[in-house]
N, C-alpha and C. Protein backbone atom coordinates (compact mmCIF):
# COMPACT_ATOMS: atom_id res chain seq x y z
N UNK A 1 12.99 45.34 -0.97
CA UNK A 1 11.58 45.07 -0.66
C UNK A 1 11.39 43.56 -0.54
N UNK A 2 10.75 43.13 0.53
CA UNK A 2 10.57 41.70 0.76
C UNK A 2 9.64 41.10 -0.27
N UNK A 3 10.00 39.93 -0.74
CA UNK A 3 9.16 39.23 -1.72
C UNK A 3 8.03 38.50 -1.01
N UNK A 4 6.85 38.48 -1.65
CA UNK A 4 5.71 37.76 -1.11
C UNK A 4 5.74 36.29 -1.54
N UNK A 5 6.67 35.94 -2.43
CA UNK A 5 6.74 34.55 -2.89
C UNK A 5 7.27 33.67 -1.77
N UNK A 6 6.69 32.48 -1.64
CA UNK A 6 7.17 31.54 -0.63
C UNK A 6 7.42 30.20 -1.27
N UNK A 7 8.31 29.45 -0.67
CA UNK A 7 8.60 28.11 -1.17
C UNK A 7 7.38 27.22 -0.97
N UNK A 8 7.11 26.32 -1.90
CA UNK A 8 5.94 25.45 -1.76
C UNK A 8 6.07 24.53 -0.56
N UNK A 9 5.03 24.47 0.24
CA UNK A 9 5.00 23.59 1.40
C UNK A 9 4.30 22.31 1.03
N UNK A 10 4.37 21.34 1.97
CA UNK A 10 3.70 20.06 1.72
C UNK A 10 2.20 20.27 1.58
N UNK A 11 1.64 21.22 2.37
CA UNK A 11 0.21 21.50 2.29
C UNK A 11 -0.15 22.05 0.92
N UNK A 12 0.73 22.91 0.37
CA UNK A 12 0.48 23.47 -0.96
C UNK A 12 0.46 22.35 -2.00
N UNK A 13 1.42 21.44 -1.88
CA UNK A 13 1.49 20.34 -2.84
C UNK A 13 0.25 19.48 -2.78
N UNK A 14 -0.25 19.24 -1.55
CA UNK A 14 -1.45 18.43 -1.41
C UNK A 14 -2.64 19.13 -2.04
N UNK A 15 -2.71 20.48 -1.85
CA UNK A 15 -3.81 21.23 -2.42
C UNK A 15 -3.80 21.14 -3.94
N UNK A 16 -2.59 21.24 -4.54
CA UNK A 16 -2.50 21.16 -5.99
C UNK A 16 -2.90 19.77 -6.47
N UNK A 17 -2.52 18.72 -5.72
CA UNK A 17 -2.87 17.38 -6.15
C UNK A 17 -4.37 17.17 -6.08
N UNK A 18 -5.06 17.83 -5.09
CA UNK A 18 -6.50 17.73 -5.02
C UNK A 18 -7.14 18.38 -6.24
N UNK A 19 -6.52 19.47 -6.73
CA UNK A 19 -7.09 20.21 -7.84
C UNK A 19 -6.71 19.63 -9.19
N UNK A 20 -5.81 18.67 -9.21
CA UNK A 20 -5.34 18.10 -10.46
C UNK A 20 -6.30 17.03 -10.96
N UNK A 21 -7.09 17.32 -12.01
CA UNK A 21 -8.07 16.33 -12.47
C UNK A 21 -7.43 15.06 -13.00
N UNK A 22 -6.19 15.16 -13.53
CA UNK A 22 -5.55 13.97 -14.08
C UNK A 22 -5.27 12.94 -12.99
N UNK A 23 -5.05 13.43 -11.75
CA UNK A 23 -4.73 12.53 -10.65
C UNK A 23 -5.88 11.58 -10.37
N UNK A 24 -7.11 12.08 -10.53
CA UNK A 24 -8.27 11.29 -10.17
C UNK A 24 -9.08 10.82 -11.37
N UNK A 25 -8.54 10.93 -12.57
CA UNK A 25 -9.28 10.57 -13.76
C UNK A 25 -9.30 9.07 -13.96
N UNK A 26 -10.50 8.53 -14.19
CA UNK A 26 -10.65 7.12 -14.56
C UNK A 26 -9.98 6.16 -13.58
N UNK A 27 -10.10 6.43 -12.31
CA UNK A 27 -9.44 5.57 -11.33
C UNK A 27 -10.02 4.16 -11.35
N UNK A 28 -11.34 4.04 -11.49
CA UNK A 28 -11.94 2.71 -11.50
C UNK A 28 -11.46 1.90 -12.70
N UNK A 29 -11.28 2.56 -13.83
CA UNK A 29 -10.74 1.86 -15.00
C UNK A 29 -9.31 1.39 -14.75
N UNK A 30 -8.55 2.20 -14.01
CA UNK A 30 -7.20 1.78 -13.64
C UNK A 30 -7.24 0.57 -12.72
N UNK A 31 -8.21 0.57 -11.80
CA UNK A 31 -8.34 -0.54 -10.85
C UNK A 31 -8.57 -1.86 -11.59
N UNK A 32 -9.48 -1.86 -12.57
CA UNK A 32 -9.87 -3.12 -13.22
C UNK A 32 -9.06 -3.42 -14.48
N UNK A 33 -8.04 -2.62 -14.75
CA UNK A 33 -7.20 -2.91 -15.92
C UNK A 33 -6.55 -4.27 -15.76
N UNK A 34 -6.32 -4.94 -16.86
CA UNK A 34 -5.78 -6.30 -16.81
C UNK A 34 -4.44 -6.36 -16.07
N UNK A 35 -3.58 -5.39 -16.34
CA UNK A 35 -2.26 -5.40 -15.69
C UNK A 35 -2.38 -5.22 -14.18
N UNK A 36 -3.26 -4.33 -13.75
CA UNK A 36 -3.41 -4.08 -12.32
C UNK A 36 -4.06 -5.26 -11.61
N UNK A 37 -5.05 -5.88 -12.25
CA UNK A 37 -5.71 -7.04 -11.66
C UNK A 37 -4.73 -8.21 -11.57
N UNK A 38 -3.92 -8.40 -12.59
CA UNK A 38 -2.94 -9.49 -12.57
C UNK A 38 -1.93 -9.28 -11.44
N UNK A 39 -1.47 -8.05 -11.28
CA UNK A 39 -0.55 -7.75 -10.18
C UNK A 39 -1.21 -8.00 -8.83
N UNK A 40 -2.48 -7.62 -8.71
CA UNK A 40 -3.21 -7.83 -7.46
C UNK A 40 -3.35 -9.32 -7.16
N UNK A 41 -3.65 -10.11 -8.19
CA UNK A 41 -3.80 -11.55 -8.00
C UNK A 41 -2.49 -12.17 -7.53
N UNK A 42 -1.37 -11.74 -8.10
CA UNK A 42 -0.08 -12.28 -7.68
C UNK A 42 0.17 -12.00 -6.19
N UNK A 43 -0.21 -10.80 -5.74
CA UNK A 43 -0.01 -10.45 -4.34
C UNK A 43 -0.92 -11.28 -3.44
N UNK A 44 -2.18 -11.43 -3.83
CA UNK A 44 -3.12 -12.23 -3.03
C UNK A 44 -2.65 -13.68 -2.96
N UNK A 45 -2.16 -14.20 -4.06
CA UNK A 45 -1.68 -15.58 -4.08
C UNK A 45 -0.48 -15.75 -3.16
N UNK A 46 0.42 -14.77 -3.14
CA UNK A 46 1.58 -14.84 -2.24
C UNK A 46 1.13 -14.81 -0.77
N UNK A 47 0.10 -14.03 -0.49
CA UNK A 47 -0.39 -13.91 0.89
C UNK A 47 -1.11 -15.16 1.37
N UNK A 48 -1.56 -15.97 0.40
CA UNK A 48 -2.31 -17.20 0.71
C UNK A 48 -3.57 -16.84 1.49
N UNK A 49 -3.89 -17.60 2.51
CA UNK A 49 -5.11 -17.30 3.26
C UNK A 49 -6.25 -18.24 2.93
N UNK A 50 -7.25 -18.25 3.80
CA UNK A 50 -8.38 -19.17 3.69
C UNK A 50 -9.43 -18.66 2.71
N UNK A 51 -10.34 -19.55 2.37
CA UNK A 51 -11.45 -19.19 1.50
C UNK A 51 -12.46 -18.33 2.26
N UNK A 52 -13.22 -17.55 1.52
CA UNK A 52 -14.28 -16.75 2.12
C UNK A 52 -15.60 -17.49 2.14
N UNK A 53 -16.70 -16.74 2.13
CA UNK A 53 -18.03 -17.35 2.27
C UNK A 53 -18.41 -18.21 1.07
N UNK A 54 -17.78 -17.98 -0.09
CA UNK A 54 -18.12 -18.79 -1.26
C UNK A 54 -17.37 -20.11 -1.33
N UNK A 55 -16.40 -20.31 -0.44
CA UNK A 55 -15.67 -21.57 -0.37
C UNK A 55 -14.59 -21.74 -1.42
N UNK A 56 -14.39 -20.74 -2.28
CA UNK A 56 -13.39 -20.85 -3.35
C UNK A 56 -12.00 -20.55 -2.78
N UNK A 57 -11.07 -21.48 -2.96
CA UNK A 57 -9.74 -21.36 -2.40
C UNK A 57 -8.80 -20.67 -3.39
N UNK A 58 -7.61 -20.34 -2.90
CA UNK A 58 -6.57 -19.77 -3.76
C UNK A 58 -6.28 -20.70 -4.93
N UNK A 59 -6.18 -21.99 -4.66
CA UNK A 59 -5.86 -22.95 -5.70
C UNK A 59 -6.94 -23.09 -6.75
N UNK A 60 -8.19 -22.86 -6.39
CA UNK A 60 -9.31 -23.00 -7.32
C UNK A 60 -9.61 -21.71 -8.08
N UNK A 61 -9.06 -20.61 -7.62
CA UNK A 61 -9.53 -19.31 -8.09
C UNK A 61 -9.32 -19.08 -9.58
N UNK A 62 -8.14 -19.38 -10.10
CA UNK A 62 -7.84 -19.06 -11.49
C UNK A 62 -8.82 -19.73 -12.45
N UNK A 63 -9.03 -21.02 -12.29
CA UNK A 63 -9.95 -21.73 -13.18
C UNK A 63 -11.37 -21.22 -13.03
N UNK A 64 -11.73 -20.81 -11.82
CA UNK A 64 -13.09 -20.32 -11.58
C UNK A 64 -13.32 -18.95 -12.20
N UNK A 65 -12.33 -18.05 -12.09
CA UNK A 65 -12.57 -16.67 -12.47
C UNK A 65 -12.39 -16.39 -13.96
N UNK A 66 -11.57 -17.17 -14.64
CA UNK A 66 -11.27 -16.87 -16.04
C UNK A 66 -12.50 -16.70 -16.91
N UNK A 67 -13.45 -17.66 -16.94
CA UNK A 67 -14.60 -17.49 -17.81
C UNK A 67 -15.56 -16.39 -17.35
N UNK A 68 -15.46 -16.00 -16.08
CA UNK A 68 -16.41 -15.02 -15.54
C UNK A 68 -15.86 -13.60 -15.53
N UNK A 69 -14.56 -13.44 -15.72
CA UNK A 69 -13.97 -12.12 -15.52
C UNK A 69 -14.55 -11.05 -16.44
N UNK A 70 -14.81 -11.29 -17.74
CA UNK A 70 -15.38 -10.22 -18.56
C UNK A 70 -16.70 -9.68 -17.99
N UNK A 71 -17.56 -10.57 -17.50
CA UNK A 71 -18.82 -10.13 -16.92
C UNK A 71 -18.59 -9.40 -15.60
N UNK A 72 -17.67 -9.92 -14.77
CA UNK A 72 -17.37 -9.27 -13.50
C UNK A 72 -16.79 -7.88 -13.71
N UNK A 73 -15.90 -7.75 -14.70
CA UNK A 73 -15.32 -6.44 -15.01
C UNK A 73 -16.40 -5.47 -15.44
N UNK A 74 -17.35 -5.94 -16.25
CA UNK A 74 -18.45 -5.09 -16.66
C UNK A 74 -19.30 -4.64 -15.48
N UNK A 75 -19.53 -5.55 -14.53
CA UNK A 75 -20.29 -5.18 -13.33
C UNK A 75 -19.56 -4.11 -12.52
N UNK A 76 -18.24 -4.26 -12.40
CA UNK A 76 -17.46 -3.29 -11.64
C UNK A 76 -17.53 -1.91 -12.28
N UNK A 77 -17.38 -1.86 -13.60
CA UNK A 77 -17.37 -0.57 -14.30
C UNK A 77 -18.75 0.08 -14.32
N UNK A 78 -19.81 -0.73 -14.29
CA UNK A 78 -21.16 -0.18 -14.35
C UNK A 78 -21.75 0.10 -12.97
N UNK A 79 -21.02 -0.25 -11.92
CA UNK A 79 -21.50 -0.01 -10.57
C UNK A 79 -22.48 -1.05 -10.06
N UNK A 80 -22.50 -2.22 -10.70
CA UNK A 80 -23.46 -3.27 -10.32
C UNK A 80 -22.83 -4.41 -9.53
N UNK A 81 -21.52 -4.37 -9.33
CA UNK A 81 -20.87 -5.50 -8.66
C UNK A 81 -21.25 -5.55 -7.19
N UNK A 82 -21.72 -6.72 -6.71
CA UNK A 82 -22.09 -6.85 -5.29
C UNK A 82 -21.00 -7.58 -4.49
N UNK A 83 -20.20 -6.88 -3.68
CA UNK A 83 -19.21 -7.58 -2.86
C UNK A 83 -19.89 -8.58 -1.92
N UNK A 84 -19.21 -9.69 -1.66
CA UNK A 84 -19.73 -10.69 -0.75
C UNK A 84 -19.43 -10.28 0.70
N UNK A 85 -20.28 -10.70 1.64
CA UNK A 85 -19.95 -10.44 3.05
C UNK A 85 -18.68 -11.16 3.44
N UNK A 86 -18.01 -10.64 4.46
CA UNK A 86 -16.79 -11.30 4.93
C UNK A 86 -17.16 -12.41 5.90
N UNK A 87 -16.30 -13.40 5.96
CA UNK A 87 -16.51 -14.55 6.84
C UNK A 87 -15.91 -14.25 8.21
N UNK A 88 -16.75 -14.33 9.26
CA UNK A 88 -16.28 -14.03 10.61
C UNK A 88 -15.41 -15.17 11.16
N UNK A 89 -14.24 -14.80 11.65
CA UNK A 89 -13.33 -15.74 12.30
C UNK A 89 -12.90 -15.13 13.62
N UNK A 90 -12.84 -15.95 14.65
CA UNK A 90 -12.43 -15.48 15.98
C UNK A 90 -11.07 -16.07 16.34
N UNK A 91 -10.13 -15.21 16.70
CA UNK A 91 -8.78 -15.64 17.07
C UNK A 91 -8.60 -15.40 18.57
N UNK A 92 -8.33 -16.45 19.36
CA UNK A 92 -8.12 -16.28 20.81
C UNK A 92 -6.89 -15.41 21.08
N UNK A 93 -6.99 -14.54 22.08
CA UNK A 93 -5.87 -13.71 22.50
C UNK A 93 -5.35 -14.21 23.86
N UNK A 94 -4.13 -13.82 24.20
CA UNK A 94 -3.49 -14.30 25.42
C UNK A 94 -4.27 -13.91 26.67
N UNK A 95 -5.00 -12.78 26.62
CA UNK A 95 -5.72 -12.32 27.81
C UNK A 95 -7.10 -12.97 27.96
N UNK A 96 -7.40 -13.94 27.10
CA UNK A 96 -8.68 -14.63 27.19
C UNK A 96 -9.77 -14.05 26.30
N UNK A 97 -9.52 -12.87 25.75
CA UNK A 97 -10.50 -12.27 24.84
C UNK A 97 -10.29 -12.81 23.43
N UNK A 98 -11.07 -12.32 22.50
CA UNK A 98 -10.99 -12.77 21.13
C UNK A 98 -10.76 -11.60 20.19
N UNK A 99 -9.98 -11.86 19.16
CA UNK A 99 -9.80 -10.88 18.10
C UNK A 99 -10.68 -11.30 16.93
N UNK A 100 -11.55 -10.39 16.48
CA UNK A 100 -12.46 -10.70 15.40
C UNK A 100 -11.83 -10.36 14.06
N UNK A 101 -11.82 -11.31 13.15
CA UNK A 101 -11.31 -11.10 11.80
C UNK A 101 -12.43 -11.32 10.79
N UNK A 102 -12.34 -10.63 9.68
CA UNK A 102 -13.26 -10.84 8.57
C UNK A 102 -12.48 -11.30 7.35
N UNK A 103 -12.81 -12.46 6.81
CA UNK A 103 -12.09 -13.00 5.66
C UNK A 103 -12.94 -12.78 4.40
N UNK A 104 -12.50 -11.91 3.50
CA UNK A 104 -13.23 -11.73 2.24
C UNK A 104 -13.02 -12.94 1.32
N UNK A 105 -13.86 -13.07 0.31
CA UNK A 105 -13.62 -14.08 -0.71
C UNK A 105 -12.31 -13.75 -1.43
N UNK A 106 -11.75 -14.75 -2.10
CA UNK A 106 -10.51 -14.50 -2.85
C UNK A 106 -10.75 -13.43 -3.92
N UNK A 107 -11.90 -13.49 -4.60
CA UNK A 107 -12.20 -12.48 -5.62
C UNK A 107 -12.20 -11.08 -5.01
N UNK A 108 -12.86 -10.92 -3.88
CA UNK A 108 -12.91 -9.60 -3.26
C UNK A 108 -11.54 -9.18 -2.74
N UNK A 109 -10.72 -10.13 -2.31
CA UNK A 109 -9.35 -9.78 -1.91
C UNK A 109 -8.56 -9.25 -3.10
N UNK A 110 -8.76 -9.85 -4.26
CA UNK A 110 -8.06 -9.39 -5.47
C UNK A 110 -8.52 -7.98 -5.83
N UNK A 111 -9.82 -7.74 -5.81
CA UNK A 111 -10.34 -6.41 -6.16
C UNK A 111 -9.88 -5.38 -5.14
N UNK A 112 -9.92 -5.72 -3.86
CA UNK A 112 -9.46 -4.78 -2.84
C UNK A 112 -7.98 -4.47 -3.01
N UNK A 113 -7.18 -5.48 -3.30
CA UNK A 113 -5.75 -5.25 -3.53
C UNK A 113 -5.55 -4.37 -4.75
N UNK A 114 -6.36 -4.56 -5.78
CA UNK A 114 -6.26 -3.73 -6.98
C UNK A 114 -6.59 -2.28 -6.65
N UNK A 115 -7.56 -2.06 -5.77
CA UNK A 115 -7.90 -0.70 -5.33
C UNK A 115 -6.72 -0.09 -4.57
N UNK A 116 -6.12 -0.88 -3.67
CA UNK A 116 -4.98 -0.39 -2.88
C UNK A 116 -3.85 0.07 -3.80
N UNK A 117 -3.58 -0.70 -4.84
CA UNK A 117 -2.46 -0.39 -5.74
C UNK A 117 -2.66 0.93 -6.46
N UNK A 118 -3.91 1.31 -6.70
CA UNK A 118 -4.20 2.58 -7.37
C UNK A 118 -4.23 3.73 -6.37
N UNK A 119 -4.75 3.48 -5.18
CA UNK A 119 -4.91 4.57 -4.21
C UNK A 119 -3.64 4.87 -3.40
N UNK A 120 -2.79 3.86 -3.21
CA UNK A 120 -1.59 4.08 -2.39
C UNK A 120 -0.72 5.24 -2.88
N UNK A 121 -0.45 5.35 -4.20
CA UNK A 121 0.38 6.48 -4.64
C UNK A 121 -0.28 7.84 -4.40
N UNK A 122 -1.62 7.86 -4.24
CA UNK A 122 -2.32 9.12 -3.99
C UNK A 122 -2.26 9.48 -2.51
N UNK A 123 -2.48 8.49 -1.64
CA UNK A 123 -2.62 8.78 -0.22
C UNK A 123 -1.32 8.62 0.58
N UNK A 124 -0.47 7.68 0.20
CA UNK A 124 0.71 7.41 1.02
C UNK A 124 1.61 8.64 1.21
N UNK A 125 1.81 9.48 0.19
CA UNK A 125 2.66 10.65 0.40
C UNK A 125 2.11 11.64 1.43
N UNK A 126 0.83 11.51 1.80
CA UNK A 126 0.25 12.44 2.77
C UNK A 126 0.41 11.96 4.20
N UNK A 127 0.93 10.74 4.40
CA UNK A 127 1.04 10.19 5.75
C UNK A 127 2.33 10.67 6.42
N UNK A 128 2.37 10.54 7.72
CA UNK A 128 3.52 10.98 8.51
C UNK A 128 4.77 10.19 8.16
N UNK A 129 5.90 10.88 8.15
CA UNK A 129 7.18 10.22 7.92
C UNK A 129 7.51 9.23 9.04
N UNK A 130 6.86 9.40 10.19
CA UNK A 130 7.12 8.53 11.34
C UNK A 130 6.16 7.35 11.39
N UNK A 131 5.30 7.20 10.39
CA UNK A 131 4.34 6.10 10.35
C UNK A 131 4.91 4.97 9.49
N UNK A 132 4.94 3.77 10.04
CA UNK A 132 5.57 2.65 9.33
C UNK A 132 4.62 1.49 9.07
N UNK A 133 3.47 1.45 9.72
CA UNK A 133 2.59 0.29 9.61
C UNK A 133 1.76 0.27 8.34
N UNK A 134 1.66 -0.89 7.71
CA UNK A 134 0.79 -1.11 6.55
C UNK A 134 1.07 -0.13 5.41
N UNK A 135 2.35 0.13 5.17
CA UNK A 135 2.71 1.07 4.10
C UNK A 135 3.76 0.42 3.20
N UNK A 136 3.75 0.76 1.91
CA UNK A 136 4.72 0.15 0.98
C UNK A 136 6.15 0.55 1.33
N UNK A 137 7.03 -0.41 1.22
CA UNK A 137 8.46 -0.20 1.44
C UNK A 137 8.80 0.25 2.86
N UNK A 138 7.91 -0.08 3.80
CA UNK A 138 8.16 0.21 5.21
C UNK A 138 7.82 -1.03 6.02
N UNK A 139 8.42 -1.14 7.19
CA UNK A 139 8.18 -2.32 8.00
C UNK A 139 8.44 -2.00 9.47
N UNK A 140 8.16 -3.00 10.33
CA UNK A 140 8.43 -2.86 11.75
C UNK A 140 9.92 -2.65 12.01
N UNK A 141 10.78 -3.19 11.13
CA UNK A 141 12.22 -3.00 11.29
C UNK A 141 12.59 -1.53 11.16
N UNK A 142 11.91 -0.81 10.27
CA UNK A 142 12.16 0.63 10.13
C UNK A 142 11.78 1.36 11.41
N UNK A 143 10.65 0.94 12.01
CA UNK A 143 10.22 1.57 13.26
C UNK A 143 11.24 1.32 14.37
N UNK A 144 11.77 0.10 14.44
CA UNK A 144 12.77 -0.22 15.46
C UNK A 144 14.02 0.63 15.27
N UNK A 145 14.45 0.79 14.01
CA UNK A 145 15.64 1.62 13.77
C UNK A 145 15.39 3.08 14.17
N UNK A 146 14.17 3.55 13.96
CA UNK A 146 13.87 4.93 14.36
C UNK A 146 13.93 5.06 15.89
N UNK A 147 13.39 4.08 16.60
CA UNK A 147 13.45 4.10 18.06
C UNK A 147 14.89 4.03 18.54
N UNK A 148 15.72 3.22 17.89
CA UNK A 148 17.13 3.14 18.26
C UNK A 148 17.80 4.50 18.10
N UNK A 149 17.41 5.22 17.07
CA UNK A 149 17.96 6.56 16.89
C UNK A 149 17.58 7.49 18.02
N UNK A 150 16.35 7.39 18.50
CA UNK A 150 15.93 8.21 19.64
C UNK A 150 16.72 7.85 20.90
N UNK A 151 16.98 6.54 21.07
CA UNK A 151 17.76 6.11 22.25
C UNK A 151 19.17 6.69 22.20
N UNK A 152 19.74 6.72 21.01
CA UNK A 152 21.08 7.27 20.86
C UNK A 152 21.11 8.76 21.13
N UNK A 153 19.95 9.42 21.00
CA UNK A 153 19.86 10.84 21.32
C UNK A 153 19.60 11.09 22.81
N UNK A 154 19.68 10.00 23.61
CA UNK A 154 19.50 10.07 25.06
C UNK A 154 18.06 10.41 25.45
N UNK A 155 17.12 10.12 24.58
CA UNK A 155 15.72 10.28 24.96
C UNK A 155 15.29 9.02 25.70
N UNK A 156 14.77 9.19 26.92
CA UNK A 156 14.54 8.01 27.77
C UNK A 156 13.10 7.90 28.27
N UNK A 157 12.19 8.61 27.64
CA UNK A 157 10.78 8.49 28.01
C UNK A 157 10.00 8.02 26.78
N UNK A 158 9.20 6.97 26.95
CA UNK A 158 8.37 6.45 25.87
C UNK A 158 6.90 6.53 26.29
N UNK A 159 6.05 6.92 25.37
CA UNK A 159 4.61 6.97 25.62
C UNK A 159 3.94 5.98 24.68
N UNK A 160 3.21 5.04 25.27
CA UNK A 160 2.53 4.00 24.49
C UNK A 160 1.05 4.35 24.38
N UNK A 161 0.59 4.58 23.15
CA UNK A 161 -0.80 4.94 22.92
C UNK A 161 -1.42 3.95 21.94
N UNK A 162 -2.57 3.41 22.30
CA UNK A 162 -3.22 2.43 21.43
C UNK A 162 -4.71 2.74 21.37
N UNK A 163 -5.28 2.68 20.17
CA UNK A 163 -6.72 2.84 20.00
C UNK A 163 -7.35 1.45 20.00
N UNK A 164 -8.04 1.11 21.05
CA UNK A 164 -8.60 -0.23 21.19
C UNK A 164 -9.63 -0.52 20.11
N UNK A 165 -9.46 -1.65 19.43
CA UNK A 165 -10.40 -2.11 18.40
C UNK A 165 -10.67 -1.03 17.36
N UNK A 166 -9.60 -0.34 16.96
CA UNK A 166 -9.77 0.80 16.03
C UNK A 166 -10.49 0.39 14.75
N UNK A 167 -10.02 -0.69 14.11
CA UNK A 167 -10.59 -1.06 12.81
C UNK A 167 -12.03 -1.54 12.94
N UNK A 168 -12.42 -1.98 14.14
CA UNK A 168 -13.82 -2.39 14.36
C UNK A 168 -14.73 -1.19 14.53
N UNK A 169 -14.17 -0.01 14.79
CA UNK A 169 -14.98 1.14 15.18
C UNK A 169 -14.85 2.33 14.24
N UNK A 170 -14.21 2.15 13.12
CA UNK A 170 -14.06 3.25 12.16
C UNK A 170 -15.45 3.77 11.76
N UNK A 171 -15.62 5.08 11.82
CA UNK A 171 -16.86 5.71 11.37
C UNK A 171 -16.87 5.71 9.84
N UNK A 172 -17.75 4.91 9.25
CA UNK A 172 -17.75 4.74 7.80
C UNK A 172 -18.10 6.03 7.07
N UNK A 173 -19.05 6.80 7.60
CA UNK A 173 -19.43 8.05 6.94
C UNK A 173 -18.27 9.04 6.93
N UNK A 174 -17.55 9.12 8.05
CA UNK A 174 -16.41 10.03 8.11
C UNK A 174 -15.31 9.56 7.16
N UNK A 175 -15.09 8.24 7.11
CA UNK A 175 -14.07 7.70 6.20
C UNK A 175 -14.40 8.04 4.75
N UNK A 176 -15.67 7.86 4.34
CA UNK A 176 -16.06 8.15 2.97
C UNK A 176 -15.95 9.64 2.67
N UNK A 177 -16.23 10.48 3.66
CA UNK A 177 -16.09 11.93 3.48
C UNK A 177 -14.63 12.29 3.22
N UNK A 178 -13.71 11.70 4.01
CA UNK A 178 -12.29 11.97 3.83
C UNK A 178 -11.80 11.48 2.46
N UNK A 179 -12.26 10.30 2.04
CA UNK A 179 -11.88 9.80 0.72
C UNK A 179 -12.40 10.72 -0.37
N UNK A 180 -13.63 11.20 -0.20
CA UNK A 180 -14.23 12.05 -1.21
C UNK A 180 -13.54 13.38 -1.39
N UNK A 181 -12.77 13.81 -0.39
CA UNK A 181 -12.04 15.07 -0.51
C UNK A 181 -10.88 14.97 -1.50
N UNK A 182 -10.39 13.75 -1.72
CA UNK A 182 -9.25 13.58 -2.62
C UNK A 182 -9.59 12.81 -3.88
N UNK A 183 -10.70 12.08 -3.86
CA UNK A 183 -11.07 11.29 -5.02
C UNK A 183 -12.31 11.87 -5.68
N UNK A 184 -12.28 11.95 -7.00
CA UNK A 184 -13.43 12.48 -7.74
C UNK A 184 -14.14 11.38 -8.53
N UNK A 185 -13.62 10.18 -8.49
CA UNK A 185 -14.21 9.07 -9.23
C UNK A 185 -15.37 8.49 -8.41
N UNK A 186 -16.60 8.84 -8.78
CA UNK A 186 -17.77 8.42 -8.01
C UNK A 186 -17.94 6.90 -8.06
N UNK A 187 -17.60 6.29 -9.20
CA UNK A 187 -17.73 4.84 -9.31
C UNK A 187 -16.86 4.11 -8.31
N UNK A 188 -15.62 4.58 -8.14
CA UNK A 188 -14.71 3.95 -7.19
C UNK A 188 -15.18 4.20 -5.75
N UNK A 189 -15.64 5.40 -5.46
CA UNK A 189 -16.15 5.70 -4.13
C UNK A 189 -17.35 4.82 -3.80
N UNK A 190 -18.24 4.62 -4.77
CA UNK A 190 -19.40 3.77 -4.53
C UNK A 190 -18.97 2.33 -4.27
N UNK A 191 -17.96 1.85 -5.00
CA UNK A 191 -17.47 0.48 -4.80
C UNK A 191 -16.89 0.32 -3.40
N UNK A 192 -16.09 1.29 -2.96
CA UNK A 192 -15.52 1.23 -1.62
C UNK A 192 -16.64 1.24 -0.57
N UNK A 193 -17.65 2.08 -0.79
CA UNK A 193 -18.78 2.12 0.13
C UNK A 193 -19.50 0.78 0.20
N UNK A 194 -19.63 0.11 -0.93
CA UNK A 194 -20.28 -1.21 -0.94
C UNK A 194 -19.46 -2.23 -0.16
N UNK A 195 -18.16 -2.14 -0.26
CA UNK A 195 -17.32 -3.05 0.53
C UNK A 195 -17.51 -2.81 2.03
N UNK A 196 -17.60 -1.56 2.42
CA UNK A 196 -17.79 -1.25 3.84
C UNK A 196 -19.12 -1.79 4.35
N UNK A 197 -20.13 -1.78 3.51
CA UNK A 197 -21.48 -2.17 3.94
C UNK A 197 -21.85 -3.60 3.55
N UNK A 198 -20.88 -4.39 3.11
CA UNK A 198 -21.18 -5.74 2.61
C UNK A 198 -21.66 -6.69 3.70
N UNK A 199 -21.38 -6.39 4.95
CA UNK A 199 -21.84 -7.23 6.03
C UNK A 199 -20.86 -8.32 6.41
N UNK A 200 -21.24 -9.04 7.47
CA UNK A 200 -20.40 -10.10 8.03
C UNK A 200 -21.24 -11.36 8.16
N UNK A 201 -20.72 -12.47 7.66
CA UNK A 201 -21.40 -13.75 7.80
C UNK A 201 -20.83 -14.47 9.01
N UNK A 202 -21.60 -14.52 10.09
CA UNK A 202 -21.19 -15.17 11.33
C UNK A 202 -21.95 -16.49 11.43
N UNK A 203 -21.28 -17.59 11.05
CA UNK A 203 -21.99 -18.86 10.92
C UNK A 203 -22.96 -18.78 9.75
N UNK A 204 -24.23 -18.94 10.03
CA UNK A 204 -25.27 -18.82 9.00
C UNK A 204 -26.04 -17.52 9.10
N UNK A 205 -25.55 -16.59 9.91
CA UNK A 205 -26.26 -15.35 10.15
C UNK A 205 -25.52 -14.20 9.49
N UNK A 206 -26.24 -13.42 8.66
CA UNK A 206 -25.66 -12.25 8.02
C UNK A 206 -25.88 -11.03 8.91
N UNK A 207 -24.80 -10.43 9.37
CA UNK A 207 -24.86 -9.27 10.23
C UNK A 207 -24.54 -8.01 9.44
N UNK A 208 -25.28 -6.93 9.64
CA UNK A 208 -24.97 -5.69 8.94
C UNK A 208 -23.67 -5.09 9.46
N UNK A 209 -23.01 -4.29 8.64
CA UNK A 209 -21.77 -3.63 9.07
C UNK A 209 -21.96 -2.12 8.94
N UNK A 210 -22.36 -1.51 10.07
CA UNK A 210 -22.62 -0.07 10.08
C UNK A 210 -21.39 0.74 10.51
N UNK A 211 -20.41 0.07 11.07
CA UNK A 211 -19.17 0.74 11.44
C UNK A 211 -18.02 -0.22 11.28
N UNK A 212 -16.81 0.31 11.29
CA UNK A 212 -15.63 -0.52 11.14
C UNK A 212 -15.33 -0.85 9.69
N UNK A 213 -14.19 -1.49 9.48
CA UNK A 213 -13.76 -1.90 8.14
C UNK A 213 -13.39 -3.38 8.18
N UNK A 214 -13.67 -4.12 7.10
CA UNK A 214 -13.38 -5.56 7.12
C UNK A 214 -11.88 -5.86 7.12
C-alpha cells in the first residue's frame, strides 16, 4: 500500500518557519542589542561613505553617539525613534541621465545594517539559488562562474531583463505586506515602515517618499 508520507519540500520548510514563534520573537530587541549594533557599526565604518542630512561623518560618529545611545535605544524599543530623511545625491550616467541616490545619516545606516543582520538569516534562505546580488557570501564572481558553466553546456542564447529604476518604484504597501507574512514583531515592522516614509531632503526641500526604497 502506497504511503501518504512525503519528503519535506522547501515550501513545507518555509511554512514551518512562518509558524515558528521563536523565529520571530523579540526581533527588535535583537536588532538593538549591543553586540549586533557594534557589528553593524563596524560594517558601516568599513563601507565609509558621506555624511547624511545631519552632517555627522564616519569619523565623528563614535564620539557623538556614545552619550546618546541609551536614549536612542529606548526610542527604538518604544517605537518613538524618528529616522532622518535621506540626502538626495545625483550621479551622472554615461547616457546623459542621472542616477538618484539617497544617503542616510550614519546613525540610520548603522540601524539599517543592524536590521539587515537580523533579517538576512530569515529571508535569504527563501531566495533563488541563482540569485547572487546583494546577498551574504555571494558576489558577481559567483554569477560569472555560473554563466561560464552554462557556456560549457553549449547553451548559446542569453536573455537580458532589467527592471528600470526598480528601487525607485517599489510599492511600499506591497513590500510591508510581504514582510508582515514572515515577521510577527510589530515594533520592527513599524520601524521599517518609518524608514520607508522618512522622506528625501533635496537641497533645502523635504520631499515625501510614497514609493521606492532609500
